[in-house]
Amino acid sequence: MTAHDLDLSYAQLDLGVRDESEFHLTSASSTVVVTGPCPRCRGTSTTEFPLGVVGSKGYPWRRDKALSPAEQSTVVSAEVLYCECGFGHPELPENALFVGCGAYWRLKPAAGSGT
């Protein structure tokens, strides 16, 4: 695995669509967590996506059980992931919403995920 590039300056760059198999998806009772290397700086990025809106009648998953891989893929494929490596890369703006290198991307469900 390539080491985290700590000298990489912050830049908001769209890295397009990445394959979900590059990342690890897990679910807790009310979130899907995506963990893996940022495709730009290679730092470990972890992003949590809450499931549904509290009080919503359209909530498709039960909160008391983990989601299947297909359900996790469905949640994540509709989202944009940002580098959240937690490292303040050079030129990181004071008002940045995410502490990382500035890269962002989307995930394409892995083959066989059922989506």
C-alpha atoms as a PDB file:
ATOM      1  CA  MET A   1       0.000   0.000   0.000  1.00  0.00           C
ATOM      2  CA  THR A   2       1.257   3.459  -0.908  1.00  0.00           C
ATOM      3  CA  ALA A   3       2.005   5.759   2.043  1.00  0.00           C
ATOM      4  CA  HIS A   4      -0.142   8.787   2.855  1.00  0.00           C
ATOM      5  CA  ASP A   5       1.187  11.759   0.853  1.00  0.00           C
ATOM      6  CA  LEU A   6       1.324  14.374   3.617  1.00  0.00           C
ATOM      7  CA  ASP A   7       3.021  16.978   1.402  1.00  0.00           C
ATOM      8  CA  LEU A   8       0.151  17.058  -1.117  1.00  0.00           C
ATOM      9  CA  SER A   9      -1.478  20.498  -1.104  1.00  0.00           C
ATOM     10  CA  TYR A  10      -5.216  20.836  -0.582  1.00  0.00           C
ATOM     11  CA  ALA A  11      -7.150  21.066  -3.845  1.00  0.00           C
ATOM     12  CA  GLN A  12     -10.830  20.463  -4.551  1.00  0.00           C
ATOM     13  CA  LEU A  13     -10.615  17.819  -7.264  1.00  0.00           C
ATOM     14  CA  ASP A  14     -13.345  15.569  -8.630  1.00  0.00           C
ATOM     15  CA  LEU A  15     -11.822  12.105  -8.974  1.00  0.00           C
ATOM     16  CA  GLY A  16     -14.891  10.735 -10.757  1.00  0.00           C
ATOM     17  CA  VAL A  17     -16.322   7.311 -10.052  1.00  0.00           C
ATOM     18  CA  ARG A  18     -14.314   4.734  -8.120  1.00  0.00           C
ATOM     19  CA  ASP A  19     -15.049   1.051  -7.755  1.00  0.00           C
ATOM     20  CA  GLU A  20     -16.656   0.174  -4.438  1.00  0.00           C
ATOM     21  CA  SER A  21     -14.264  -2.769  -4.067  1.00  0.00           C
ATOM     22  CA  GLU A  22     -11.479  -0.249  -3.255  1.00  0.00           C
ATOM     23  CA  PHE A  23     -13.286   0.504   0.030  1.00  0.00           C
ATOM     24  CA  HIS A  24     -14.732  -1.336   3.021  1.00  0.00           C
ATOM     25  CA  LEU A  25     -18.441  -0.808   3.743  1.00  0.00           C
ATOM     26  CA  THR A  26     -20.013  -1.667   7.085  1.00  0.00           C
ATOM     27  CA  SER A  27     -23.310  -0.790   8.682  1.00  0.00           C
ATOM     28  CA  ALA A  28     -24.413  -0.140  12.211  1.00  0.00           C
ATOM     29  CA  SER A  29     -28.024   0.281  13.269  1.00  0.00           C
ATOM     30  CA  SER A  30     -28.428   3.729  11.720  1.00  0.00           C
ATOM     31  CA  THR A  31     -25.361   4.373   9.522  1.00  0.00           C
ATOM     32  CA  VAL A  32     -23.298   3.017   6.672  1.00  0.00           C
ATOM     33  CA  VAL A  33     -19.558   3.555   7.160  1.00  0.00           C
ATOM     34  CA  VAL A  34     -17.153   3.715   4.217  1.00  0.00           C
ATOM     35  CA  THR A  35     -13.449   3.274   4.991  1.00  0.00           C
ATOM     36  CA  GLY A  36     -10.514   3.131   2.623  1.00  0.00           C
ATOM     37  CA  PRO A  37      -7.623   5.025   1.093  1.00  0.00           C
ATOM     38  CA  CYS A  38      -8.285   8.407  -0.462  1.00  0.00           C
ATOM     39  CA  PRO A  39      -7.568   7.917  -4.182  1.00  0.00           C
ATOM     40  CA  ARG A  40      -5.543  11.157  -4.205  1.00  0.00           C
ATOM     41  CA  CYS A  41      -3.496  11.382  -0.974  1.00  0.00           C
ATOM     42  CA  ARG A  42      -3.772   7.677   0.031  1.00  0.00           C
ATOM     43  CA  GLY A  43      -4.643   8.591   3.639  1.00  0.00           C
ATOM     44  CA  THR A  44      -7.265   6.456   5.350  1.00  0.00           C
ATOM     45  CA  SER A  45     -10.603   8.184   4.910  1.00  0.00           C
ATOM     46  CA  THR A  46     -13.682   7.239   6.936  1.00  0.00           C
ATOM     47  CA  THR A  47     -17.143   8.594   6.139  1.00  0.00           C
ATOM     48  CA  GLU A  48     -20.413   7.835   7.909  1.00  0.00           C
ATOM     49  CA  PHE A  49     -23.780   8.137   6.160  1.00  0.00           C
ATOM     50  CA  PRO A  50     -26.855   8.256   8.410  1.00  0.00           C
ATOM     51  CA  LEU A  51     -29.806   6.205   7.199  1.00  0.00           C
ATOM     52  CA  GLY A  52     -33.071   7.959   6.489  1.00  0.00           C
ATOM     53  CA  VAL A  53     -34.536  11.001   8.132  1.00  0.00           C
ATOM     54  CA  VAL A  54     -35.846  10.688  11.663  1.00  0.00           C
ATOM     55  CA  GLY A  55     -39.639  10.650  11.549  1.00  0.00           C
ATOM     56  CA  SER A  56     -39.710   9.718   7.855  1.00  0.00           C
ATOM     57  CA  LYS A  57     -42.421   7.263   6.797  1.00  0.00           C
ATOM     58  CA  GLY A  58     -40.358   6.165   3.796  1.00  0.00           C
ATOM     59  CA  TYR A  59     -37.555   4.680   5.878  1.00  0.00           C
ATOM     60  CA  PRO A  60     -36.694   1.456   3.992  1.00  0.00           C
ATOM     61  CA  TRP A  61     -34.423  -0.275   6.544  1.00  0.00           C
ATOM     62  CA  ARG A  62     -34.941  -1.370  10.101  1.00  0.00           C
ATOM     63  CA  ARG A  63     -32.659   0.340  12.599  1.00  0.00           C
ATOM     64  CA  ASP A  64     -32.089  -2.786  14.687  1.00  0.00           C
ATOM     65  CA  LYS A  65     -30.185  -4.837  12.097  1.00  0.00           C
ATOM     66  CA  ALA A  66     -27.155  -4.383   9.883  1.00  0.00           C
ATOM     67  CA  LEU A  67     -27.775  -3.773   6.186  1.00  0.00           C
ATOM     68  CA  SER A  68     -26.951  -6.376   3.570  1.00  0.00           C
ATOM     69  CA  PRO A  69     -24.069  -5.578   1.167  1.00  0.00           C
ATOM     70  CA  ALA A  70     -26.629  -4.706  -1.549  1.00  0.00           C
ATOM     71  CA  GLU A  71     -28.434  -2.292   0.789  1.00  0.00           C
ATOM     72  CA  GLN A  72     -25.114  -0.696   1.807  1.00  0.00           C
ATOM     73  CA  SER A  73     -24.226  -0.237  -1.884  1.00  0.00           C
ATOM     74  CA  THR A  74     -27.583   1.397  -2.554  1.00  0.00           C
ATOM     75  CA  VAL A  75     -27.045   3.945   0.230  1.00  0.00           C
ATOM     76  CA  VAL A  76     -23.478   4.788  -0.747  1.00  0.00           C
ATOM     77  CA  SER A  77     -23.912   4.882  -4.555  1.00  0.00           C
ATOM     78  CA  ALA A  78     -26.183   7.922  -4.193  1.00  0.00           C
ATOM     79  CA  GLU A  79     -23.588   9.902  -2.187  1.00  0.00           C
ATOM     80  CA  VAL A  80     -20.415  11.902  -2.787  1.00  0.00           C
ATOM     81  CA  LEU A  81     -17.435  10.927  -0.644  1.00  0.00           C
ATOM     82  CA  TYR A  82     -14.826  13.485   0.393  1.00  0.00           C
ATOM     83  CA  CYS A  83     -11.311  12.880   1.619  1.00  0.00           C
ATOM     84  CA  GLU A  84     -11.653  12.722   5.383  1.00  0.00           C
ATOM     85  CA  CYS A  85      -8.145  11.515   6.170  1.00  0.00           C
ATOM     86  CA  GLY A  86      -8.047  13.905   9.134  1.00  0.00           C
ATOM     87  CA  PHE A  87      -4.732  15.465   8.099  1.00  0.00           C
ATOM     88  CA  GLY A  88      -4.553  19.217   7.544  1.00  0.00           C
ATOM     89  CA  HIS A  89      -2.867  19.190   4.126  1.00  0.00           C
ATOM     90  CA  PRO A  90      -0.940  22.344   3.155  1.00  0.00           C
ATOM     91  CA  GLU A  91      -3.264  25.171   2.014  1.00  0.00           C
ATOM     92  CA  LEU A  92      -6.315  23.623   3.760  1.00  0.00           C
ATOM     93  CA  PRO A  93      -8.812  26.513   4.067  1.00  0.00           C
ATOM     94  CA  GLU A  94      -9.882  27.459   7.589  1.00  0.00           C
ATOM     95  CA  ASN A  95     -13.533  26.981   6.613  1.00  0.00           C
ATOM     96  CA  ALA A  96     -13.096  23.564   4.955  1.00  0.00           C
ATOM     97  CA  LEU A  97     -15.974  21.213   5.784  1.00  0.00           C
ATOM     98  CA  PHE A  98     -13.760  18.119   5.637  1.00  0.00           C
ATOM     99  CA  VAL A  99     -10.199  17.779   6.940  1.00  0.00           C
ATOM    100  CA  GLY A 100      -8.281  16.116   4.148  1.00  0.00           C
ATOM    101  CA  CYS A 101      -6.698  16.797   0.764  1.00  0.00           C
ATOM    102  CA  GLY A 102      -9.857  18.192  -0.878  1.00  0.00           C
ATOM    103  CA  ALA A 103     -10.541  15.296  -3.245  1.00  0.00           C
ATOM    104  CA  TYR A 104     -14.043  13.943  -3.745  1.00  0.00           C
ATOM    105  CA  TRP A 105     -15.506  10.989  -5.632  1.00  0.00           C
ATOM    106  CA  ARG A 106     -18.494   8.697  -6.011  1.00  0.00           C
ATOM    107  CA  LEU A 107     -18.661   4.907  -5.751  1.00  0.00           C
ATOM    108  CA  LYS A 108     -19.819   2.450  -8.376  1.00  0.00           C
ATOM    109  CA  PRO A 109     -21.260  -0.688  -6.781  1.00  0.00           C
ATOM    110  CA  ALA A 110     -18.904  -3.662  -6.955  1.00  0.00           C
ATOM    111  CA  ALA A 111     -19.807  -6.505  -9.287  1.00  0.00           C
ATOM    112  CA  GLY A 112     -22.071  -8.953  -7.536  1.00  0.00           C
ATOM    113  CA  SER A 113     -23.348  -6.470  -4.947  1.00  0.00           C
ATOM    114  CA  GLY A 114     -26.883  -6.935  -6.201  1.00  0.00           C
ATOM    115  CA  THR A 115     -27.493  -3.306  -7.184  1.00  0.00           C
END
